[in-house]
Amino acid sequence: MTDLPHLPPVDELPEWLRRLAAAAREVTAADLSLFLPPADGSGRASAVLMALTETDDGPSVLLIERAADMRTHAGQVAFPGGAVDPVDPTHVSAALREAEEEVGLDPESVHIVAELPAIFLPPSGFVVTPVLAWWSDVHPVAPVDLAEVAHVALVPVAELSNPENRFRVVHPSGWFGPGFQVGELFIWGFTAGLLDRLLVLGGWTRPWDETRHRPLPSAVSGMRVAPPGPP
């Protein structure tokens, strides 16, 4: 985990975020995924922004739904983010830049809480660094380019932790992992795996029926044949 200067002390964060913040600063890669970045340093570096804020519905997380006609990841729900470019000095910079480019999020409106360990995604070869942030100064956001992002949502943590909204997704390959259905959003794969860990680390998880399985809808499967790898 990269040293991040000027991180706000945990006791200066909103009370609802403190447990998650403390845990995120101590979490290991093995706590997040079975797949660790290749020891030889291969894989394309990328970053995602896990921005949480307080809404009328309680703590909520910013998610996007990718456009249905994209070549890859079509229709999938994700965190704002993407590849680290040469202009990005850090993973944090990349996550903030991507969030601004995708949904118009003002980088000055968030406080970085923690940079989590990188996770390897074998099917795509990406090494993804999740960046946890407190979105303190909420402002309107929307898709910047509808060819890439179809929808932006602030999803309440209470909806994610609701046992009625949880199940395991079965991929045609036989892979299965956490899934969520919140309204019309079907969340699976890498994003669902991180959200599952977020609920655990934040103390928000509730018992749910882990034997309940749902097949992966074709509308959100994207163009990939290989599964995303277990979270």
C-alpha atoms as a PDB file:
ATOM      1  CA  MET A   1       0.000   0.000   0.000  1.00  0.00           C
ATOM      2  CA  THR A   2       1.380   3.416  -0.983  1.00  0.00           C
ATOM      3  CA  ASP A   3       1.992   5.958   1.750  1.00  0.00           C
ATOM      4  CA  LEU A   4      -0.644   8.679   1.444  1.00  0.00           C
ATOM      5  CA  PRO A   5       0.124  12.025   3.094  1.00  0.00           C
ATOM      6  CA  HIS A   6      -2.556  14.133   4.738  1.00  0.00           C
ATOM      7  CA  LEU A   7      -5.036  11.321   5.296  1.00  0.00           C
ATOM      8  CA  PRO A   8      -7.661  12.582   7.723  1.00  0.00           C
ATOM      9  CA  PRO A   9      -7.434  10.911  11.144  1.00  0.00           C
ATOM     10  CA  VAL A  10     -10.143   8.319  11.584  1.00  0.00           C
ATOM     11  CA  ASP A  11     -11.728  10.240  14.461  1.00  0.00           C
ATOM     12  CA  GLU A  12     -12.208  13.255  12.177  1.00  0.00           C
ATOM     13  CA  LEU A  13     -14.290  11.270   9.707  1.00  0.00           C
ATOM     14  CA  PRO A  14     -18.081  10.850   9.997  1.00  0.00           C
ATOM     15  CA  GLU A  15     -18.925   8.294  12.637  1.00  0.00           C
ATOM     16  CA  TRP A  16     -20.516   5.938  10.105  1.00  0.00           C
ATOM     17  CA  LEU A  17     -17.264   5.794   8.126  1.00  0.00           C
ATOM     18  CA  ARG A  18     -14.770   5.307  10.953  1.00  0.00           C
ATOM     19  CA  ARG A  19     -14.893   1.532  11.247  1.00  0.00           C
ATOM     20  CA  LEU A  20     -14.483   1.079   7.509  1.00  0.00           C
ATOM     21  CA  ALA A  21     -11.665   3.627   7.353  1.00  0.00           C
ATOM     22  CA  ALA A  22      -9.720   1.973  10.173  1.00  0.00           C
ATOM     23  CA  ALA A  23     -10.135  -1.473   8.631  1.00  0.00           C
ATOM     24  CA  ALA A  24      -9.257  -0.270   5.115  1.00  0.00           C
ATOM     25  CA  ARG A  25      -5.942   1.121   6.335  1.00  0.00           C
ATOM     26  CA  GLU A  26      -4.972  -2.290   7.711  1.00  0.00           C
ATOM     27  CA  VAL A  27      -6.483  -4.643   5.130  1.00  0.00           C
ATOM     28  CA  THR A  28      -4.249  -6.969   3.099  1.00  0.00           C
ATOM     29  CA  ALA A  29      -4.589  -8.067  -0.500  1.00  0.00           C
ATOM     30  CA  ALA A  30      -5.443 -11.584   0.670  1.00  0.00           C
ATOM     31  CA  ASP A  31      -8.408 -10.127   2.584  1.00  0.00           C
ATOM     32  CA  LEU A  32      -9.797  -8.805  -0.687  1.00  0.00           C
ATOM     33  CA  SER A  33      -9.065 -11.435  -3.303  1.00  0.00           C
ATOM     34  CA  LEU A  34      -7.634 -14.857  -4.062  1.00  0.00           C
ATOM     35  CA  PHE A  35      -5.739 -13.341  -6.975  1.00  0.00           C
ATOM     36  CA  LEU A  36      -2.692 -11.251  -6.091  1.00  0.00           C
ATOM     37  CA  PRO A  37      -0.756  -9.089  -8.580  1.00  0.00           C
ATOM     38  CA  PRO A  38       1.898 -11.039 -10.523  1.00  0.00           C
ATOM     39  CA  ALA A  39       5.245 -11.100  -8.757  1.00  0.00           C
ATOM     40  CA  ASP A  40       7.005 -10.104 -11.987  1.00  0.00           C
ATOM     41  CA  GLY A  41       5.179  -6.785 -12.056  1.00  0.00           C
ATOM     42  CA  SER A  42       3.203  -7.607 -15.197  1.00  0.00           C
ATOM     43  CA  GLY A  43      -0.385  -6.528 -15.672  1.00  0.00           C
ATOM     44  CA  ARG A  44      -1.803  -3.157 -16.599  1.00  0.00           C
ATOM     45  CA  ALA A  45      -2.166  -0.793 -13.656  1.00  0.00           C
ATOM     46  CA  SER A  46      -5.619   0.673 -13.062  1.00  0.00           C
ATOM     47  CA  ALA A  47      -7.585   2.255 -10.228  1.00  0.00           C
ATOM     48  CA  VAL A  48     -11.204   2.648  -9.151  1.00  0.00           C
ATOM     49  CA  LEU A  49     -12.779   5.218  -6.851  1.00  0.00           C
ATOM     50  CA  MET A  50     -14.978   3.882  -4.058  1.00  0.00           C
ATOM     51  CA  ALA A  51     -16.650   7.156  -3.072  1.00  0.00           C
ATOM     52  CA  LEU A  52     -19.011   7.050  -0.095  1.00  0.00           C
ATOM     53  CA  THR A  53     -21.242   9.835   1.149  1.00  0.00           C
ATOM     54  CA  GLU A  54     -24.180  10.503   3.461  1.00  0.00           C
ATOM     55  CA  THR A  55     -27.623  10.805   1.867  1.00  0.00           C
ATOM     56  CA  ASP A  56     -31.204  10.875   3.132  1.00  0.00           C
ATOM     57  CA  ASP A  57     -31.034   7.067   2.843  1.00  0.00           C
ATOM     58  CA  GLY A  58     -27.888   6.826   4.973  1.00  0.00           C
ATOM     59  CA  PRO A  59     -24.342   6.007   3.815  1.00  0.00           C
ATOM     60  CA  SER A  60     -24.278   5.464   0.057  1.00  0.00           C
ATOM     61  CA  VAL A  61     -21.713   4.535  -2.577  1.00  0.00           C
ATOM     62  CA  LEU A  62     -21.242   6.023  -6.049  1.00  0.00           C
ATOM     63  CA  LEU A  63     -21.633   3.504  -8.880  1.00  0.00           C
ATOM     64  CA  ILE A  64     -21.945   3.705 -12.646  1.00  0.00           C
ATOM     65  CA  GLU A  65     -23.644   1.508 -15.221  1.00  0.00           C
ATOM     66  CA  ARG A  66     -21.631   1.128 -18.394  1.00  0.00           C
ATOM     67  CA  ALA A  67     -23.253   1.644 -21.788  1.00  0.00           C
ATOM     68  CA  ALA A  68     -25.015  -1.409 -23.190  1.00  0.00           C
ATOM     69  CA  ASP A  69     -23.181  -1.336 -26.535  1.00  0.00           C
ATOM     70  CA  MET A  70     -19.595  -1.117 -25.301  1.00  0.00           C
ATOM     71  CA  ARG A  71     -17.145  -3.688 -26.686  1.00  0.00           C
ATOM     72  CA  THR A  72     -16.247  -4.915 -23.198  1.00  0.00           C
ATOM     73  CA  HIS A  73     -18.023  -4.762 -19.828  1.00  0.00           C
ATOM     74  CA  ALA A  74     -21.232  -3.751 -21.611  1.00  0.00           C
ATOM     75  CA  GLY A  75     -24.088  -2.991 -19.232  1.00  0.00           C
ATOM     76  CA  GLN A  76     -22.038  -3.791 -16.166  1.00  0.00           C
ATOM     77  CA  VAL A  77     -22.231  -1.873 -12.897  1.00  0.00           C
ATOM     78  CA  ALA A  78     -18.855  -0.584 -11.749  1.00  0.00           C
ATOM     79  CA  PHE A  79     -17.006   1.959  -9.694  1.00  0.00           C
ATOM     80  CA  PRO A  80     -15.713   4.960 -11.645  1.00  0.00           C
ATOM     81  CA  GLY A  81     -12.198   4.159 -12.747  1.00  0.00           C
ATOM     82  CA  GLY A  82      -9.874   2.908 -15.432  1.00  0.00           C
ATOM     83  CA  ALA A  83      -6.282   2.447 -16.511  1.00  0.00           C
ATOM     84  CA  VAL A  84      -3.454   4.465 -14.989  1.00  0.00           C
ATOM     85  CA  ASP A  85      -2.151   6.780 -17.715  1.00  0.00           C
ATOM     86  CA  PRO A  86       1.309   8.339 -18.032  1.00  0.00           C
ATOM     87  CA  VAL A  87      -0.183  11.659 -16.854  1.00  0.00           C
ATOM     88  CA  ASP A  88      -1.191  10.073 -13.521  1.00  0.00           C
ATOM     89  CA  PRO A  89       1.492  10.383 -10.835  1.00  0.00           C
ATOM     90  CA  THR A  90      -0.358   7.990  -8.494  1.00  0.00           C
ATOM     91  CA  HIS A  91      -3.202   5.503  -8.415  1.00  0.00           C
ATOM     92  CA  VAL A  92      -5.214   8.063  -6.457  1.00  0.00           C
ATOM     93  CA  SER A  93      -4.720  10.598  -9.243  1.00  0.00           C
ATOM     94  CA  ALA A  94      -5.873   8.055 -11.813  1.00  0.00           C
ATOM     95  CA  ALA A  95      -9.016   7.176  -9.842  1.00  0.00           C
ATOM     96  CA  LEU A  96      -9.941  10.847  -9.395  1.00  0.00           C
ATOM     97  CA  ARG A  97      -9.236  11.680 -13.046  1.00  0.00           C
ATOM     98  CA  GLU A  98     -11.380   8.812 -14.272  1.00  0.00           C
ATOM     99  CA  ALA A  99     -14.245   9.778 -11.956  1.00  0.00           C
ATOM    100  CA  GLU A 100     -14.107  13.331 -13.264  1.00  0.00           C
ATOM    101  CA  GLU A 101     -14.007  12.178 -16.890  1.00  0.00           C
ATOM    102  CA  GLU A 102     -16.809   9.625 -16.479  1.00  0.00           C
ATOM    103  CA  VAL A 103     -19.327  11.402 -14.247  1.00  0.00           C
ATOM    104  CA  GLY A 104     -17.999  14.936 -13.682  1.00  0.00           C
ATOM    105  CA  LEU A 105     -17.004  14.370 -10.049  1.00  0.00           C
ATOM    106  CA  ASP A 106     -14.982  17.300  -8.689  1.00  0.00           C
ATOM    107  CA  PRO A 107     -11.727  15.899  -7.213  1.00  0.00           C
ATOM    108  CA  GLU A 108     -11.792  18.677  -4.608  1.00  0.00           C
ATOM    109  CA  SER A 109     -15.118  17.375  -3.281  1.00  0.00           C
ATOM    110  CA  VAL A 110     -13.633  14.159  -1.864  1.00  0.00           C
ATOM    111  CA  HIS A 111     -11.191  13.245   0.883  1.00  0.00           C
ATOM    112  CA  ILE A 112      -9.048  10.178   0.296  1.00  0.00           C
ATOM    113  CA  VAL A 113      -9.518   7.726   3.162  1.00  0.00           C
ATOM    114  CA  ALA A 114      -7.295   4.805   2.110  1.00  0.00           C
ATOM    115  CA  GLU A 115      -5.568   3.196  -0.837  1.00  0.00           C
ATOM    116  CA  LEU A 116      -6.368  -0.501  -0.667  1.00  0.00           C
ATOM    117  CA  PRO A 117      -4.011  -3.244  -1.879  1.00  0.00           C
ATOM    118  CA  ALA A 118      -4.073  -3.981  -5.581  1.00  0.00           C
ATOM    119  CA  ILE A 119      -6.140  -6.886  -6.919  1.00  0.00           C
ATOM    120  CA  PHE A 120      -5.319  -8.895 -10.040  1.00  0.00           C
ATOM    121  CA  LEU A 121      -8.024  -9.644 -12.622  1.00  0.00           C
ATOM    122  CA  PRO A 122      -6.719 -12.620 -14.663  1.00  0.00           C
ATOM    123  CA  PRO A 123      -9.193 -12.415 -17.584  1.00  0.00           C
ATOM    124  CA  SER A 124      -8.287  -8.812 -18.410  1.00  0.00           C
ATOM    125  CA  GLY A 125      -4.753  -8.662 -17.035  1.00  0.00           C
ATOM    126  CA  PHE A 126      -5.534  -5.531 -15.035  1.00  0.00           C
ATOM    127  CA  VAL A 127      -3.991  -4.869 -11.638  1.00  0.00           C
ATOM    128  CA  VAL A 128      -6.651  -2.752  -9.934  1.00  0.00           C
ATOM    129  CA  THR A 129      -6.029  -0.486  -6.942  1.00  0.00           C
ATOM    130  CA  PRO A 130      -9.247   0.459  -5.099  1.00  0.00           C
ATOM    131  CA  VAL A 131      -9.184   3.977  -3.652  1.00  0.00           C
ATOM    132  CA  LEU A 132     -11.588   4.582  -0.766  1.00  0.00           C
ATOM    133  CA  ALA A 133     -12.849   8.158  -0.445  1.00  0.00           C
ATOM    134  CA  TRP A 134     -15.282  10.229   1.589  1.00  0.00           C
ATOM    135  CA  TRP A 135     -17.362  12.364  -0.765  1.00  0.00           C
ATOM    136  CA  SER A 136     -17.905  15.189   1.695  1.00  0.00           C
ATOM    137  CA  ASP A 137     -19.155  17.903  -0.651  1.00  0.00           C
ATOM    138  CA  VAL A 138     -21.780  16.148  -2.728  1.00  0.00           C
ATOM    139  CA  HIS A 139     -22.733  17.788  -6.004  1.00  0.00           C
ATOM    140  CA  PRO A 140     -24.725  16.679  -9.053  1.00  0.00           C
ATOM    141  CA  VAL A 141     -23.013  14.086 -11.234  1.00  0.00           C
ATOM    142  CA  ALA A 142     -24.105  12.518 -14.510  1.00  0.00           C
ATOM    143  CA  PRO A 143     -22.645  10.569 -17.424  1.00  0.00           C
ATOM    144  CA  VAL A 144     -20.166  12.733 -19.311  1.00  0.00           C
ATOM    145  CA  ASP A 145     -20.193  10.487 -22.387  1.00  0.00           C
ATOM    146  CA  LEU A 146     -23.282   8.321 -22.880  1.00  0.00           C
ATOM    147  CA  ALA A 147     -21.271   6.088 -25.205  1.00  0.00           C
ATOM    148  CA  GLU A 148     -19.365   4.928 -22.130  1.00  0.00           C
ATOM    149  CA  VAL A 149     -21.584   5.514 -19.091  1.00  0.00           C
ATOM    150  CA  ALA A 150     -25.337   5.006 -19.286  1.00  0.00           C
ATOM    151  CA  HIS A 151     -26.308   5.752 -15.707  1.00  0.00           C
ATOM    152  CA  VAL A 152     -24.929   7.065 -12.412  1.00  0.00           C
ATOM    153  CA  ALA A 153     -26.348   6.027  -9.041  1.00  0.00           C
ATOM    154  CA  LEU A 154     -25.804   6.625  -5.352  1.00  0.00           C
ATOM    155  CA  VAL A 155     -26.651   3.233  -3.902  1.00  0.00           C
ATOM    156  CA  PRO A 156     -27.487   3.107  -0.181  1.00  0.00           C
ATOM    157  CA  VAL A 157     -25.387   0.733   1.887  1.00  0.00           C
ATOM    158  CA  ALA A 158     -28.630  -0.372   3.550  1.00  0.00           C
ATOM    159  CA  GLU A 159     -29.873  -1.650   0.194  1.00  0.00           C
ATOM    160  CA  LEU A 160     -26.638  -3.547  -0.414  1.00  0.00           C
ATOM    161  CA  SER A 161     -26.733  -5.145   3.022  1.00  0.00           C
ATOM    162  CA  ASN A 162     -30.427  -6.061   2.743  1.00  0.00           C
ATOM    163  CA  PRO A 163     -30.512  -9.888   2.674  1.00  0.00           C
ATOM    164  CA  GLU A 164     -33.347  -9.782   0.130  1.00  0.00           C
ATOM    165  CA  ASN A 165     -30.999  -8.077  -2.358  1.00  0.00           C
ATOM    166  CA  ARG A 166     -28.162 -10.596  -2.045  1.00  0.00           C
ATOM    167  CA  PHE A 167     -27.368 -13.871  -3.830  1.00  0.00           C
ATOM    168  CA  ARG A 168     -24.566 -15.657  -5.631  1.00  0.00           C
ATOM    169  CA  VAL A 169     -24.162 -15.123  -9.356  1.00  0.00           C
ATOM    170  CA  VAL A 170     -23.506 -18.195 -11.498  1.00  0.00           C
ATOM    171  CA  HIS A 171     -21.432 -17.506 -14.619  1.00  0.00           C
ATOM    172  CA  PRO A 172     -21.896 -19.814 -17.659  1.00  0.00           C
ATOM    173  CA  SER A 173     -18.328 -21.042 -17.073  1.00  0.00           C
ATOM    174  CA  GLY A 174     -19.309 -22.360 -13.659  1.00  0.00           C
ATOM    175  CA  TRP A 175     -17.702 -19.518 -11.691  1.00  0.00           C
ATOM    176  CA  PHE A 176     -19.859 -17.998  -8.991  1.00  0.00           C
ATOM    177  CA  GLY A 177     -19.478 -15.058  -6.648  1.00  0.00           C
ATOM    178  CA  PRO A 178     -21.396 -12.363  -4.750  1.00  0.00           C
ATOM    179  CA  GLY A 179     -24.262 -10.574  -6.431  1.00  0.00           C
ATOM    180  CA  PHE A 180     -26.642  -7.733  -5.608  1.00  0.00           C
ATOM    181  CA  GLN A 181     -29.921  -6.564  -7.121  1.00  0.00           C
ATOM    182  CA  VAL A 182     -30.730  -2.972  -6.173  1.00  0.00           C
ATOM    183  CA  GLY A 183     -33.636  -1.659  -8.196  1.00  0.00           C
ATOM    184  CA  GLU A 184     -32.694  -2.273 -11.817  1.00  0.00           C
ATOM    185  CA  LEU A 185     -28.985  -2.563 -11.037  1.00  0.00           C
ATOM    186  CA  PHE A 186     -27.600  -6.101 -11.254  1.00  0.00           C
ATOM    187  CA  ILE A 187     -24.167  -6.027  -9.617  1.00  0.00           C
ATOM    188  CA  TRP A 188     -21.702  -8.880 -10.038  1.00  0.00           C
ATOM    189  CA  GLY A 189     -18.039  -9.721 -10.600  1.00  0.00           C
ATOM    190  CA  PHE A 190     -15.220  -7.501  -9.399  1.00  0.00           C
ATOM    191  CA  THR A 191     -17.538  -4.718  -8.249  1.00  0.00           C
ATOM    192  CA  ALA A 192     -19.772  -7.040  -6.245  1.00  0.00           C
ATOM    193  CA  GLY A 193     -16.715  -8.645  -4.675  1.00  0.00           C
ATOM    194  CA  LEU A 194     -15.417  -5.280  -3.483  1.00  0.00           C
ATOM    195  CA  LEU A 195     -18.843  -4.253  -2.211  1.00  0.00           C
ATOM    196  CA  ASP A 196     -19.084  -7.514  -0.291  1.00  0.00           C
ATOM    197  CA  ARG A 197     -15.734  -6.743   1.374  1.00  0.00           C
ATOM    198  CA  LEU A 198     -16.813  -3.142   2.027  1.00  0.00           C
ATOM    199  CA  LEU A 199     -19.871  -4.369   3.924  1.00  0.00           C
ATOM    200  CA  VAL A 200     -17.752  -6.708   6.025  1.00  0.00           C
ATOM    201  CA  LEU A 201     -15.014  -4.166   6.792  1.00  0.00           C
ATOM    202  CA  GLY A 202     -17.553  -1.453   7.592  1.00  0.00           C
ATOM    203  CA  GLY A 203     -19.556  -3.676   9.927  1.00  0.00           C
ATOM    204  CA  TRP A 204     -22.634  -3.405   7.728  1.00  0.00           C
ATOM    205  CA  THR A 205     -23.023  -6.993   6.566  1.00  0.00           C
ATOM    206  CA  ARG A 206     -26.123  -8.926   7.623  1.00  0.00           C
ATOM    207  CA  PRO A 207     -26.775 -12.662   7.448  1.00  0.00           C
ATOM    208  CA  TRP A 208     -28.127 -13.676   4.038  1.00  0.00           C
ATOM    209  CA  ASP A 209     -28.944 -16.898   2.227  1.00  0.00           C
ATOM    210  CA  GLU A 210     -25.662 -17.818   0.519  1.00  0.00           C
ATOM    211  CA  THR A 211     -27.302 -20.855  -1.075  1.00  0.00           C
ATOM    212  CA  ARG A 212     -29.486 -18.622  -3.245  1.00  0.00           C
ATOM    213  CA  HIS A 213     -28.027 -18.614  -6.761  1.00  0.00           C
ATOM    214  CA  ARG A 214     -28.990 -16.591  -9.836  1.00  0.00           C
ATOM    215  CA  PRO A 215     -27.684 -17.020 -13.385  1.00  0.00           C
ATOM    216  CA  LEU A 216     -25.783 -14.146 -14.959  1.00  0.00           C
ATOM    217  CA  PRO A 217     -28.167 -12.217 -17.257  1.00  0.00           C
ATOM    218  CA  SER A 218     -26.863 -11.870 -20.794  1.00  0.00           C
ATOM    219  CA  ALA A 219     -27.623  -8.145 -20.708  1.00  0.00           C
ATOM    220  CA  VAL A 220     -24.894  -7.538 -18.119  1.00  0.00           C
ATOM    221  CA  SER A 221     -22.405 -10.238 -19.116  1.00  0.00           C
ATOM    222  CA  GLY A 222     -20.502  -7.971 -21.524  1.00  0.00           C
ATOM    223  CA  MET A 223     -18.383  -9.475 -24.286  1.00  0.00           C
ATOM    224  CA  ARG A 224     -16.143 -11.586 -22.084  1.00  0.00           C
ATOM    225  CA  VAL A 225     -16.292 -15.347 -22.120  1.00  0.00           C
ATOM    226  CA  ALA A 226     -13.996 -15.897 -19.131  1.00  0.00           C
ATOM    227  CA  PRO A 227     -15.315 -15.265 -15.628  1.00  0.00           C
ATOM    228  CA  PRO A 228     -13.931 -12.326 -13.643  1.00  0.00           C
ATOM    229  CA  GLY A 229     -12.216 -14.479 -11.010  1.00  0.00           C
ATOM    230  CA  PRO A 230     -13.429 -14.955  -7.447  1.00  0.00           C
ATOM    231  CA  PRO A 231     -13.285 -11.906  -5.202  1.00  0.00           C
END
